[in-house]
Amino acid sequence: MRTMAPTSAACVIAMAATSSAFTKAPFGSRGSTALRMGLFDGVKEAFSAPALEKAQIDPARETPIDRWMGWSVKTEEKKMEIQEVSVNFIDSMDSTNYICASLDKPMGIVFEENDEKYGGIFVYEMKEGGVAEVEGTIKPGDQLVGVNSRKVSGLSFDEALSEIVESTEEKTKLIVFRGTSDDLYGPTGASQAWLEEFVGAGGEVA
């Protein structure tokens, strides 16, 4: 039994050493970990500044860190759409983009209907030698928005055309927008209230 004493003592020492090796870290030691996380959060905030949040990234090159940082991804098709709108945009709430012409009937204008999602009609072409062509104000592509003092933008083909046909004025006044249907009826198009007031005033700014 005497031979066991040294072994027991060694075991006690070994267990004590092992116990000290796995001693639980003091509560305050977590502060260093929290500090490191705080610094990293600061890096995220720095790289998520408003100017960088708008950075555009090719979808093929998007990484998890891009999504974590909140950087936006935009397709090439969408970029081209935005560039095209910004280059070719015509403000439909700018009165200088509207033309008025008072014409005798028959006017010699061929109208066509816009896409169904917009409605309204536009000048498709003018008959050679007709009143409109000779007068020269109206051009193919013009969007018809008013007849005399009545707004016709967005109406069906028959409804809009009937305003011209039924006009009893000696000369019928057409008010047209010189731009595309997207400019007139799309998200950046003129408000209905503005058009009502503008056309009601005969195509002049009150």
N, C-alpha and C. Protein backbone atom coordinates (compact mmCIF):
# COMPACT_ATOMS: atom_id res chain seq x y z
N MET A 1 0.82 -1.20 0.00
CA MET A 1 0.00 0.00 0.00
C MET A 1 0.85 1.23 0.00
N ARG A 2 2.13 1.10 0.65
CA ARG A 2 3.02 2.26 0.66
C ARG A 2 3.42 2.67 -0.75
N THR A 3 3.46 1.67 -1.65
CA THR A 3 3.86 1.99 -3.04
C THR A 3 2.80 2.81 -3.76
N MET A 4 1.58 2.86 -3.23
CA MET A 4 0.50 3.59 -3.88
C MET A 4 0.50 5.07 -3.55
N ALA A 5 1.14 5.44 -2.42
CA ALA A 5 1.10 6.84 -1.98
C ALA A 5 1.67 7.80 -3.00
N PRO A 6 2.86 7.53 -3.53
CA PRO A 6 3.40 8.46 -4.54
C PRO A 6 2.48 8.58 -5.74
N THR A 7 1.90 7.42 -6.14
CA THR A 7 1.01 7.45 -7.31
C THR A 7 -0.19 8.32 -7.04
N SER A 8 -0.76 8.20 -5.83
CA SER A 8 -1.93 8.99 -5.47
C SER A 8 -1.59 10.46 -5.45
N ALA A 9 -0.41 10.75 -4.91
CA ALA A 9 0.01 12.17 -4.87
C ALA A 9 0.18 12.71 -6.26
N ALA A 10 0.77 11.88 -7.14
CA ALA A 10 0.96 12.31 -8.54
C ALA A 10 -0.35 12.56 -9.22
N CYS A 11 -1.34 11.70 -8.92
CA CYS A 11 -2.66 11.86 -9.53
C CYS A 11 -3.31 13.14 -9.07
N VAL A 12 -3.15 13.42 -7.77
CA VAL A 12 -3.74 14.65 -7.24
C VAL A 12 -3.14 15.86 -7.89
N ILE A 13 -1.80 15.84 -8.03
CA ILE A 13 -1.10 16.96 -8.67
C ILE A 13 -1.53 17.09 -10.12
N ALA A 14 -1.62 15.96 -10.82
CA ALA A 14 -2.00 15.98 -12.23
C ALA A 14 -3.40 16.52 -12.40
N MET A 15 -4.31 16.10 -11.49
CA MET A 15 -5.68 16.58 -11.58
C MET A 15 -5.76 18.06 -11.29
N ALA A 16 -4.93 18.49 -10.33
CA ALA A 16 -4.92 19.92 -10.01
C ALA A 16 -4.42 20.72 -11.19
N ALA A 17 -3.38 20.20 -11.85
CA ALA A 17 -2.84 20.90 -13.03
C ALA A 17 -3.85 20.93 -14.14
N THR A 18 -4.55 19.77 -14.33
CA THR A 18 -5.55 19.71 -15.38
C THR A 18 -6.69 20.66 -15.08
N SER A 19 -7.07 20.69 -13.78
CA SER A 19 -8.16 21.57 -13.38
C SER A 19 -7.83 23.02 -13.63
N SER A 20 -6.56 23.38 -13.33
CA SER A 20 -6.17 24.78 -13.56
C SER A 20 -6.13 25.10 -15.03
N ALA A 21 -5.83 24.11 -15.88
CA ALA A 21 -5.78 24.33 -17.32
C ALA A 21 -7.15 24.63 -17.88
N PHE A 22 -8.22 24.11 -17.28
CA PHE A 22 -9.58 24.31 -17.76
C PHE A 22 -10.37 25.26 -16.87
N THR A 23 -9.65 26.07 -16.11
CA THR A 23 -10.32 27.03 -15.24
C THR A 23 -11.18 27.97 -16.06
N LYS A 24 -12.40 28.24 -15.61
CA LYS A 24 -13.33 29.12 -16.31
C LYS A 24 -12.79 30.53 -16.32
N ALA A 25 -12.83 31.18 -17.46
CA ALA A 25 -12.33 32.54 -17.56
C ALA A 25 -13.19 33.47 -16.74
N PRO A 26 -12.56 34.46 -16.11
CA PRO A 26 -13.33 35.44 -15.33
C PRO A 26 -14.34 36.15 -16.20
N PHE A 27 -15.42 36.59 -15.59
CA PHE A 27 -16.51 37.26 -16.31
C PHE A 27 -16.01 38.46 -17.10
N GLY A 28 -15.10 39.21 -16.51
CA GLY A 28 -14.61 40.42 -17.17
C GLY A 28 -13.82 40.15 -18.42
N SER A 29 -13.31 38.93 -18.62
CA SER A 29 -12.48 38.65 -19.79
C SER A 29 -13.27 38.67 -21.07
N ARG A 30 -14.60 38.61 -21.00
CA ARG A 30 -15.44 38.65 -22.21
C ARG A 30 -15.41 40.03 -22.86
N GLY A 31 -14.95 40.98 -22.11
CA GLY A 31 -14.92 42.35 -22.64
C GLY A 31 -14.06 42.47 -23.87
N SER A 32 -12.93 41.70 -23.91
CA SER A 32 -12.06 41.80 -25.08
C SER A 32 -12.77 41.28 -26.32
N THR A 33 -13.56 40.19 -26.15
CA THR A 33 -14.31 39.66 -27.28
C THR A 33 -15.35 40.66 -27.74
N ALA A 34 -16.07 41.25 -26.78
CA ALA A 34 -17.08 42.25 -27.12
C ALA A 34 -16.46 43.44 -27.82
N LEU A 35 -15.25 43.81 -27.39
CA LEU A 35 -14.56 44.95 -28.01
C LEU A 35 -14.22 44.65 -29.44
N ARG A 36 -13.74 43.43 -29.69
CA ARG A 36 -13.38 43.07 -31.06
C ARG A 36 -14.62 43.08 -31.95
N MET A 37 -15.73 42.56 -31.44
CA MET A 37 -16.96 42.58 -32.22
C MET A 37 -17.43 44.00 -32.47
N GLY A 38 -17.27 44.85 -31.48
CA GLY A 38 -17.67 46.24 -31.64
C GLY A 38 -16.87 46.93 -32.72
N LEU A 39 -15.58 46.64 -32.77
CA LEU A 39 -14.73 47.23 -33.81
C LEU A 39 -15.16 46.76 -35.18
N PHE A 40 -15.52 45.48 -35.29
CA PHE A 40 -15.93 44.95 -36.58
C PHE A 40 -17.25 45.55 -37.03
N ASP A 41 -18.16 45.75 -36.05
CA ASP A 41 -19.42 46.42 -36.37
C ASP A 41 -19.16 47.82 -36.88
N GLY A 42 -18.16 48.47 -36.31
CA GLY A 42 -17.80 49.81 -36.78
C GLY A 42 -17.32 49.79 -38.20
N VAL A 43 -16.58 48.73 -38.56
CA VAL A 43 -16.12 48.60 -39.95
C VAL A 43 -17.31 48.46 -40.87
N LYS A 44 -18.29 47.66 -40.45
CA LYS A 44 -19.49 47.48 -41.26
C LYS A 44 -20.20 48.81 -41.45
N GLU A 45 -20.33 49.57 -40.35
CA GLU A 45 -21.02 50.85 -40.45
C GLU A 45 -20.28 51.79 -41.38
N ALA A 46 -18.95 51.76 -41.31
CA ALA A 46 -18.15 52.64 -42.16
C ALA A 46 -18.35 52.31 -43.62
N PHE A 47 -18.40 51.00 -43.93
CA PHE A 47 -18.57 50.59 -45.32
C PHE A 47 -20.02 50.57 -45.76
N SER A 48 -20.93 50.87 -44.84
CA SER A 48 -22.35 50.94 -45.19
C SER A 48 -22.83 52.38 -45.22
N ALA A 49 -21.90 53.30 -45.39
CA ALA A 49 -22.25 54.71 -45.48
C ALA A 49 -23.19 54.92 -46.65
N PRO A 50 -24.05 55.94 -46.59
CA PRO A 50 -25.05 56.17 -47.65
C PRO A 50 -24.47 56.15 -49.05
N ALA A 51 -23.28 56.73 -49.23
CA ALA A 51 -22.70 56.80 -50.57
C ALA A 51 -22.36 55.42 -51.10
N LEU A 52 -21.95 54.51 -50.15
CA LEU A 52 -21.56 53.18 -50.58
C LEU A 52 -22.76 52.25 -50.70
N GLU A 53 -23.83 52.54 -49.97
CA GLU A 53 -25.00 51.70 -50.06
C GLU A 53 -25.58 51.70 -51.46
N LYS A 54 -25.30 52.77 -52.22
CA LYS A 54 -25.86 52.90 -53.56
C LYS A 54 -24.93 52.32 -54.62
N ALA A 55 -23.77 51.76 -54.18
CA ALA A 55 -22.85 51.20 -55.15
C ALA A 55 -23.51 50.07 -55.91
N GLN A 56 -23.25 50.01 -57.20
CA GLN A 56 -23.88 48.99 -58.03
C GLN A 56 -22.91 47.85 -58.28
N ILE A 57 -23.37 46.63 -58.12
CA ILE A 57 -22.52 45.46 -58.25
C ILE A 57 -23.09 44.53 -59.31
N ASP A 58 -22.21 44.01 -60.13
CA ASP A 58 -22.64 43.05 -61.14
C ASP A 58 -23.15 41.80 -60.42
N PRO A 59 -24.36 41.32 -60.76
CA PRO A 59 -24.91 40.14 -60.09
C PRO A 59 -23.99 38.93 -60.12
N ALA A 60 -23.22 38.76 -61.19
CA ALA A 60 -22.33 37.61 -61.32
C ALA A 60 -21.19 37.68 -60.30
N ARG A 61 -20.90 38.89 -59.80
CA ARG A 61 -19.79 39.07 -58.88
C ARG A 61 -20.28 39.28 -57.44
N GLU A 62 -21.56 39.14 -57.21
CA GLU A 62 -22.10 39.35 -55.86
C GLU A 62 -21.60 38.27 -54.92
N THR A 63 -21.22 38.64 -53.73
CA THR A 63 -20.72 37.72 -52.72
C THR A 63 -21.56 37.86 -51.46
N PRO A 64 -21.44 36.91 -50.52
CA PRO A 64 -22.19 37.03 -49.25
C PRO A 64 -21.89 38.33 -48.52
N ILE A 65 -20.63 38.78 -48.58
CA ILE A 65 -20.27 40.02 -47.88
C ILE A 65 -21.00 41.21 -48.49
N ASP A 66 -21.26 41.15 -49.82
CA ASP A 66 -22.03 42.22 -50.46
C ASP A 66 -23.43 42.29 -49.87
N ARG A 67 -24.05 41.11 -49.69
CA ARG A 67 -25.40 41.08 -49.13
C ARG A 67 -25.38 41.50 -47.67
N TRP A 68 -24.33 41.07 -46.93
CA TRP A 68 -24.23 41.43 -45.51
C TRP A 68 -24.07 42.93 -45.35
N MET A 69 -23.25 43.54 -46.22
CA MET A 69 -23.03 44.98 -46.17
C MET A 69 -24.24 45.76 -46.67
N GLY A 70 -25.13 45.09 -47.39
CA GLY A 70 -26.30 45.79 -47.90
C GLY A 70 -26.06 46.51 -49.21
N TRP A 71 -24.97 46.17 -49.92
CA TRP A 71 -24.72 46.82 -51.20
C TRP A 71 -25.72 46.30 -52.22
N SER A 72 -26.27 47.19 -53.01
CA SER A 72 -27.33 46.81 -53.94
C SER A 72 -26.76 46.18 -55.20
N VAL A 73 -27.60 45.34 -55.80
CA VAL A 73 -27.22 44.66 -57.03
C VAL A 73 -28.22 45.07 -58.11
N LYS A 74 -27.72 45.44 -59.27
CA LYS A 74 -28.61 45.89 -60.35
C LYS A 74 -28.21 45.19 -61.64
N THR A 75 -29.18 44.67 -62.36
CA THR A 75 -28.89 43.98 -63.60
C THR A 75 -28.49 44.98 -64.67
N GLU A 76 -27.77 44.50 -65.65
CA GLU A 76 -27.34 45.36 -66.76
C GLU A 76 -28.55 45.91 -67.50
N GLU A 77 -29.60 45.08 -67.61
CA GLU A 77 -30.82 45.52 -68.31
C GLU A 77 -31.44 46.71 -67.59
N LYS A 78 -31.49 46.63 -66.25
CA LYS A 78 -32.07 47.71 -65.46
C LYS A 78 -31.22 48.97 -65.58
N LYS A 79 -29.90 48.80 -65.58
CA LYS A 79 -29.02 49.96 -65.73
C LYS A 79 -29.29 50.67 -67.05
N MET A 80 -29.43 49.87 -68.11
CA MET A 80 -29.67 50.45 -69.43
C MET A 80 -31.00 51.19 -69.46
N GLU A 81 -32.02 50.63 -68.79
CA GLU A 81 -33.33 51.29 -68.75
C GLU A 81 -33.23 52.65 -68.08
N ILE A 82 -32.52 52.70 -66.95
CA ILE A 82 -32.38 53.96 -66.22
C ILE A 82 -31.60 54.97 -67.04
N GLN A 83 -30.52 54.52 -67.71
CA GLN A 83 -29.72 55.42 -68.53
C GLN A 83 -30.55 55.96 -69.69
N GLU A 84 -31.36 55.08 -70.29
CA GLU A 84 -32.17 55.50 -71.43
C GLU A 84 -33.21 56.54 -71.01
N VAL A 85 -33.83 56.31 -69.84
CA VAL A 85 -34.83 57.25 -69.34
C VAL A 85 -34.20 58.59 -69.06
N SER A 86 -33.02 58.58 -68.42
CA SER A 86 -32.37 59.84 -68.05
C SER A 86 -31.93 60.62 -69.27
N VAL A 87 -31.55 59.92 -70.34
CA VAL A 87 -31.08 60.60 -71.55
C VAL A 87 -32.24 61.12 -72.38
N ASN A 88 -33.30 60.32 -72.53
CA ASN A 88 -34.40 60.67 -73.43
C ASN A 88 -35.63 61.23 -72.72
N PHE A 89 -35.57 61.39 -71.42
CA PHE A 89 -36.73 61.83 -70.66
C PHE A 89 -37.23 63.20 -71.12
N ILE A 90 -38.57 63.28 -71.30
CA ILE A 90 -39.23 64.54 -71.64
C ILE A 90 -40.28 64.81 -70.57
N ASP A 91 -40.17 65.92 -69.90
CA ASP A 91 -41.03 66.25 -68.78
C ASP A 91 -42.45 66.60 -69.27
N SER A 92 -43.41 65.78 -68.88
CA SER A 92 -44.79 66.01 -69.32
C SER A 92 -45.52 67.02 -68.43
N MET A 93 -44.82 67.60 -67.46
CA MET A 93 -45.39 68.68 -66.68
C MET A 93 -44.68 70.01 -66.97
N ASP A 94 -44.02 70.02 -68.11
CA ASP A 94 -43.39 71.25 -68.61
C ASP A 94 -44.21 71.71 -69.82
N SER A 95 -44.84 72.85 -69.71
CA SER A 95 -45.75 73.32 -70.77
C SER A 95 -45.04 73.55 -72.09
N THR A 96 -43.72 73.72 -72.05
CA THR A 96 -42.99 73.95 -73.31
C THR A 96 -42.93 72.69 -74.17
N ASN A 97 -43.31 71.54 -73.60
CA ASN A 97 -43.31 70.29 -74.36
C ASN A 97 -44.68 69.99 -74.98
N TYR A 98 -45.55 70.98 -74.96
CA TYR A 98 -46.88 70.84 -75.54
C TYR A 98 -47.04 71.81 -76.71
N ILE A 99 -47.79 71.36 -77.72
CA ILE A 99 -48.03 72.15 -78.93
C ILE A 99 -49.53 72.28 -79.14
N CYS A 100 -49.97 73.45 -79.58
CA CYS A 100 -51.39 73.67 -79.89
C CYS A 100 -51.54 74.04 -81.37
N ALA A 101 -52.59 73.53 -81.97
CA ALA A 101 -52.87 73.88 -83.37
C ALA A 101 -54.37 73.91 -83.57
N SER A 102 -54.87 74.97 -84.19
CA SER A 102 -56.31 75.10 -84.51
C SER A 102 -56.48 74.81 -85.99
N LEU A 103 -57.21 73.74 -86.29
CA LEU A 103 -57.29 73.25 -87.66
C LEU A 103 -58.73 73.10 -88.15
N ASP A 104 -58.89 73.29 -89.45
CA ASP A 104 -60.18 73.01 -90.09
C ASP A 104 -60.33 71.50 -90.25
N LYS A 105 -61.58 71.06 -90.37
CA LYS A 105 -61.85 69.65 -90.66
C LYS A 105 -62.31 69.52 -92.11
N PRO A 106 -61.94 68.43 -92.74
CA PRO A 106 -61.14 67.31 -92.22
C PRO A 106 -59.67 67.69 -92.10
N MET A 107 -59.04 67.23 -91.05
CA MET A 107 -57.66 67.63 -90.75
C MET A 107 -56.62 66.86 -91.54
N GLY A 108 -56.98 65.66 -91.96
CA GLY A 108 -55.99 64.85 -92.68
C GLY A 108 -54.98 64.20 -91.75
N ILE A 109 -55.42 63.87 -90.52
CA ILE A 109 -54.53 63.22 -89.53
C ILE A 109 -54.99 61.79 -89.31
N VAL A 110 -54.06 60.87 -89.32
CA VAL A 110 -54.34 59.48 -89.01
C VAL A 110 -53.86 59.23 -87.57
N PHE A 111 -54.79 58.89 -86.69
CA PHE A 111 -54.44 58.62 -85.29
C PHE A 111 -54.33 57.12 -85.05
N GLU A 112 -53.54 56.78 -84.04
CA GLU A 112 -53.38 55.38 -83.63
C GLU A 112 -53.48 55.33 -82.11
N GLU A 113 -53.94 54.18 -81.60
CA GLU A 113 -54.09 54.02 -80.15
C GLU A 113 -52.79 53.56 -79.52
N ASN A 114 -52.50 54.07 -78.32
CA ASN A 114 -51.33 53.62 -77.57
C ASN A 114 -51.55 52.20 -77.05
N ASP A 115 -50.54 51.66 -76.40
CA ASP A 115 -50.69 50.34 -75.78
C ASP A 115 -51.86 50.36 -74.81
N GLU A 116 -52.47 49.23 -74.63
CA GLU A 116 -53.67 49.13 -73.80
C GLU A 116 -53.43 49.60 -72.37
N LYS A 117 -52.22 49.40 -71.86
CA LYS A 117 -51.95 49.77 -70.45
C LYS A 117 -52.02 51.27 -70.24
N TYR A 118 -51.85 52.06 -71.32
CA TYR A 118 -51.89 53.52 -71.20
C TYR A 118 -53.19 54.13 -71.72
N GLY A 119 -53.67 53.64 -72.86
CA GLY A 119 -54.81 54.28 -73.50
C GLY A 119 -54.37 55.55 -74.18
N GLY A 120 -55.34 56.33 -74.65
CA GLY A 120 -55.00 57.56 -75.35
C GLY A 120 -54.59 57.27 -76.79
N ILE A 121 -54.49 58.33 -77.59
CA ILE A 121 -54.12 58.17 -79.00
C ILE A 121 -53.00 59.14 -79.37
N PHE A 122 -52.31 58.81 -80.44
CA PHE A 122 -51.22 59.66 -80.92
C PHE A 122 -51.31 59.81 -82.44
N VAL A 123 -50.59 60.78 -82.96
CA VAL A 123 -50.58 61.03 -84.41
C VAL A 123 -49.69 59.99 -85.08
N TYR A 124 -50.30 59.15 -85.89
CA TYR A 124 -49.54 58.12 -86.59
C TYR A 124 -48.91 58.68 -87.86
N GLU A 125 -49.72 59.38 -88.64
CA GLU A 125 -49.21 60.02 -89.85
C GLU A 125 -50.21 61.08 -90.32
N MET A 126 -49.76 61.87 -91.27
CA MET A 126 -50.64 62.90 -91.84
C MET A 126 -50.74 62.71 -93.35
N LYS A 127 -51.92 62.90 -93.85
CA LYS A 127 -52.12 62.74 -95.28
C LYS A 127 -51.42 63.85 -96.04
N GLU A 128 -50.77 63.44 -97.10
CA GLU A 128 -50.02 64.41 -97.90
C GLU A 128 -50.98 65.47 -98.48
N GLY A 129 -50.63 66.72 -98.28
CA GLY A 129 -51.46 67.81 -98.79
C GLY A 129 -52.65 68.13 -97.92
N GLY A 130 -52.81 67.41 -96.79
CA GLY A 130 -53.93 67.64 -95.89
C GLY A 130 -53.74 68.91 -95.08
N VAL A 131 -54.81 69.32 -94.39
CA VAL A 131 -54.78 70.57 -93.61
C VAL A 131 -53.65 70.56 -92.58
N ALA A 132 -53.51 69.47 -91.83
CA ALA A 132 -52.50 69.40 -90.78
C ALA A 132 -51.08 69.44 -91.35
N GLU A 133 -50.85 68.73 -92.44
CA GLU A 133 -49.51 68.72 -93.02
C GLU A 133 -49.15 70.10 -93.56
N VAL A 134 -50.07 70.75 -94.22
CA VAL A 134 -49.81 72.07 -94.78
C VAL A 134 -49.59 73.10 -93.67
N GLU A 135 -50.40 73.02 -92.61
CA GLU A 135 -50.25 73.94 -91.49
C GLU A 135 -48.90 73.76 -90.79
N GLY A 136 -48.48 72.49 -90.64
CA GLY A 136 -47.12 72.18 -90.21
C GLY A 136 -46.83 72.10 -88.72
N THR A 137 -47.80 72.36 -87.87
CA THR A 137 -47.52 72.35 -86.42
C THR A 137 -47.49 70.94 -85.85
N ILE A 138 -48.50 70.16 -86.17
CA ILE A 138 -48.61 68.79 -85.65
C ILE A 138 -47.61 67.88 -86.37
N LYS A 139 -46.99 66.99 -85.59
CA LYS A 139 -46.00 66.06 -86.14
C LYS A 139 -46.35 64.62 -85.77
N PRO A 140 -45.94 63.65 -86.60
CA PRO A 140 -46.16 62.24 -86.25
C PRO A 140 -45.50 61.92 -84.91
N GLY A 141 -46.20 61.16 -84.09
CA GLY A 141 -45.68 60.81 -82.77
C GLY A 141 -46.25 61.67 -81.66
N ASP A 142 -46.84 62.80 -82.00
CA ASP A 142 -47.43 63.67 -80.97
C ASP A 142 -48.58 62.95 -80.26
N GLN A 143 -48.63 63.08 -78.93
CA GLN A 143 -49.69 62.48 -78.12
C GLN A 143 -50.83 63.48 -77.95
N LEU A 144 -52.03 63.07 -78.34
CA LEU A 144 -53.18 63.96 -78.20
C LEU A 144 -53.64 63.97 -76.75
N VAL A 145 -53.65 65.16 -76.13
CA VAL A 145 -54.08 65.27 -74.73
C VAL A 145 -55.34 66.10 -74.57
N GLY A 146 -55.63 66.97 -75.55
CA GLY A 146 -56.81 67.81 -75.41
C GLY A 146 -57.42 68.21 -76.75
N VAL A 147 -58.72 68.37 -76.75
CA VAL A 147 -59.45 68.87 -77.91
C VAL A 147 -60.26 70.06 -77.43
N ASN A 148 -59.97 71.22 -77.99
CA ASN A 148 -60.52 72.48 -77.49
C ASN A 148 -60.11 72.62 -76.02
N SER A 149 -61.05 72.56 -75.08
CA SER A 149 -60.68 72.68 -73.67
C SER A 149 -60.99 71.40 -72.89
N ARG A 150 -61.15 70.29 -73.62
CA ARG A 150 -61.48 69.02 -72.96
C ARG A 150 -60.29 68.09 -73.00
N LYS A 151 -59.93 67.51 -71.85
CA LYS A 151 -58.82 66.56 -71.76
C LYS A 151 -59.26 65.20 -72.32
N VAL A 152 -58.46 64.66 -73.22
CA VAL A 152 -58.77 63.35 -73.82
C VAL A 152 -57.65 62.34 -73.59
N SER A 153 -56.62 62.73 -72.89
CA SER A 153 -55.52 61.80 -72.64
C SER A 153 -56.02 60.60 -71.86
N GLY A 154 -55.59 59.41 -72.26
CA GLY A 154 -55.99 58.18 -71.59
C GLY A 154 -57.31 57.59 -72.05
N LEU A 155 -58.05 58.32 -72.87
CA LEU A 155 -59.33 57.80 -73.36
C LEU A 155 -59.10 56.75 -74.44
N SER A 156 -60.14 55.96 -74.70
CA SER A 156 -60.05 54.97 -75.77
C SER A 156 -60.00 55.69 -77.12
N PHE A 157 -59.68 54.95 -78.17
CA PHE A 157 -59.59 55.53 -79.51
C PHE A 157 -60.89 56.22 -79.91
N ASP A 158 -62.00 55.51 -79.75
CA ASP A 158 -63.30 56.06 -80.17
C ASP A 158 -63.70 57.29 -79.36
N GLU A 159 -63.46 57.22 -78.06
CA GLU A 159 -63.84 58.33 -77.19
C GLU A 159 -63.03 59.59 -77.51
N ALA A 160 -61.72 59.41 -77.69
CA ALA A 160 -60.86 60.57 -77.99
C ALA A 160 -61.20 61.15 -79.36
N LEU A 161 -61.38 60.29 -80.34
CA LEU A 161 -61.64 60.76 -81.70
C LEU A 161 -63.01 61.43 -81.81
N SER A 162 -63.96 60.99 -81.01
CA SER A 162 -65.30 61.57 -81.08
C SER A 162 -65.30 63.03 -80.65
N GLU A 163 -64.36 63.42 -79.81
CA GLU A 163 -64.25 64.82 -79.39
C GLU A 163 -63.90 65.72 -80.58
N ILE A 164 -63.12 65.19 -81.51
CA ILE A 164 -62.78 65.95 -82.72
C ILE A 164 -63.97 65.97 -83.68
N VAL A 165 -64.53 64.79 -83.87
CA VAL A 165 -65.65 64.67 -84.81
C VAL A 165 -66.83 65.55 -84.39
N GLU A 166 -67.14 65.58 -83.10
CA GLU A 166 -68.30 66.30 -82.60
C GLU A 166 -68.05 67.77 -82.31
N SER A 167 -66.83 68.22 -82.51
CA SER A 167 -66.52 69.63 -82.26
C SER A 167 -67.31 70.53 -83.22
N THR A 168 -67.93 71.57 -82.67
CA THR A 168 -68.72 72.50 -83.50
C THR A 168 -67.98 73.82 -83.74
N GLU A 169 -66.75 73.89 -83.27
CA GLU A 169 -65.95 75.11 -83.47
C GLU A 169 -65.57 75.25 -84.94
N GLU A 170 -65.41 76.49 -85.39
CA GLU A 170 -64.99 76.71 -86.78
C GLU A 170 -63.65 76.06 -87.04
N LYS A 171 -62.73 76.22 -86.09
CA LYS A 171 -61.44 75.53 -86.13
C LYS A 171 -61.31 74.75 -84.82
N THR A 172 -60.97 73.50 -84.93
CA THR A 172 -60.85 72.66 -83.73
C THR A 172 -59.42 72.71 -83.21
N LYS A 173 -59.31 73.00 -81.94
CA LYS A 173 -57.98 73.14 -81.32
C LYS A 173 -57.51 71.79 -80.78
N LEU A 174 -56.35 71.39 -81.24
CA LEU A 174 -55.72 70.17 -80.73
C LEU A 174 -54.56 70.56 -79.82
N ILE A 175 -54.48 69.90 -78.69
CA ILE A 175 -53.36 70.10 -77.76
C ILE A 175 -52.62 68.77 -77.68
N VAL A 176 -51.36 68.79 -78.06
CA VAL A 176 -50.59 67.54 -78.11
C VAL A 176 -49.33 67.66 -77.27
N PHE A 177 -48.90 66.51 -76.78
CA PHE A 177 -47.64 66.42 -76.03
C PHE A 177 -46.57 65.86 -76.95
N ARG A 178 -45.45 66.56 -77.07
CA ARG A 178 -44.38 66.11 -77.95
C ARG A 178 -43.40 65.25 -77.16
N GLY A 179 -43.81 64.02 -76.95
CA GLY A 179 -43.00 63.06 -76.21
C GLY A 179 -43.61 61.68 -76.37
N THR A 180 -43.08 60.71 -75.66
CA THR A 180 -43.57 59.34 -75.79
C THR A 180 -44.72 59.07 -74.83
N SER A 181 -45.39 57.95 -75.07
CA SER A 181 -46.47 57.55 -74.16
C SER A 181 -45.92 57.24 -72.77
N ASP A 182 -44.70 56.73 -72.70
CA ASP A 182 -44.07 56.46 -71.39
C ASP A 182 -43.87 57.76 -70.62
N ASP A 183 -43.43 58.81 -71.32
CA ASP A 183 -43.21 60.09 -70.67
C ASP A 183 -44.53 60.68 -70.16
N LEU A 184 -45.59 60.47 -70.92
CA LEU A 184 -46.88 61.06 -70.57
C LEU A 184 -47.65 60.23 -69.54
N TYR A 185 -47.64 58.90 -69.71
CA TYR A 185 -48.47 58.04 -68.86
C TYR A 185 -47.69 57.20 -67.85
N GLY A 186 -46.37 57.13 -67.99
CA GLY A 186 -45.56 56.30 -67.10
C GLY A 186 -45.41 56.88 -65.71
N PRO A 187 -44.54 56.28 -64.90
CA PRO A 187 -44.35 56.72 -63.51
C PRO A 187 -43.96 58.19 -63.36
N THR A 188 -43.28 58.72 -64.36
CA THR A 188 -42.85 60.13 -64.29
C THR A 188 -43.81 61.05 -65.03
N GLY A 189 -44.96 60.52 -65.44
CA GLY A 189 -45.91 61.31 -66.22
C GLY A 189 -46.60 62.40 -65.43
N ALA A 190 -47.28 63.28 -66.16
CA ALA A 190 -47.99 64.40 -65.54
C ALA A 190 -49.16 63.91 -64.70
N SER A 191 -49.45 64.63 -63.64
CA SER A 191 -50.60 64.29 -62.81
C SER A 191 -51.89 64.67 -63.56
N GLN A 192 -52.96 63.96 -63.25
CA GLN A 192 -54.23 64.23 -63.90
C GLN A 192 -54.74 65.64 -63.57
N ALA A 193 -54.49 66.06 -62.34
CA ALA A 193 -54.94 67.40 -61.94
C ALA A 193 -54.23 68.48 -62.75
N TRP A 194 -52.92 68.28 -62.97
CA TRP A 194 -52.16 69.26 -63.75
C TRP A 194 -52.67 69.30 -65.19
N LEU A 195 -52.91 68.13 -65.78
CA LEU A 195 -53.40 68.06 -67.17
C LEU A 195 -54.79 68.69 -67.30
N GLU A 196 -55.64 68.43 -66.33
CA GLU A 196 -56.99 69.00 -66.36
C GLU A 196 -56.90 70.53 -66.39
N GLU A 197 -56.07 71.07 -65.53
CA GLU A 197 -55.94 72.53 -65.45
C GLU A 197 -55.30 73.10 -66.72
N PHE A 198 -54.27 72.41 -67.20
CA PHE A 198 -53.54 72.88 -68.38
C PHE A 198 -54.44 72.86 -69.62
N VAL A 199 -55.12 71.75 -69.85
CA VAL A 199 -55.99 71.64 -71.03
C VAL A 199 -57.20 72.57 -70.88
N GLY A 200 -57.73 72.66 -69.67
CA GLY A 200 -58.86 73.55 -69.43
C GLY A 200 -58.55 75.01 -69.73
N ALA A 201 -57.26 75.35 -69.59
CA ALA A 201 -56.83 76.72 -69.89
C ALA A 201 -56.44 76.87 -71.35
N GLY A 202 -56.77 75.85 -72.15
CA GLY A 202 -56.48 75.94 -73.58
C GLY A 202 -55.04 75.66 -73.94
N GLY A 203 -54.35 74.90 -73.08
CA GLY A 203 -52.96 74.56 -73.35
C GLY A 203 -52.02 75.69 -73.02
N GLU A 204 -52.44 76.54 -72.11
CA GLU A 204 -51.60 77.66 -71.68
C GLU A 204 -51.44 77.61 -70.16
N VAL A 205 -50.28 78.06 -69.69
CA VAL A 205 -50.03 78.10 -68.26
C VAL A 205 -50.82 79.24 -67.65
N ALA A 206 -51.62 78.90 -66.64
CA ALA A 206 -52.45 79.92 -66.00
C ALA A 206 -51.61 80.94 -65.24
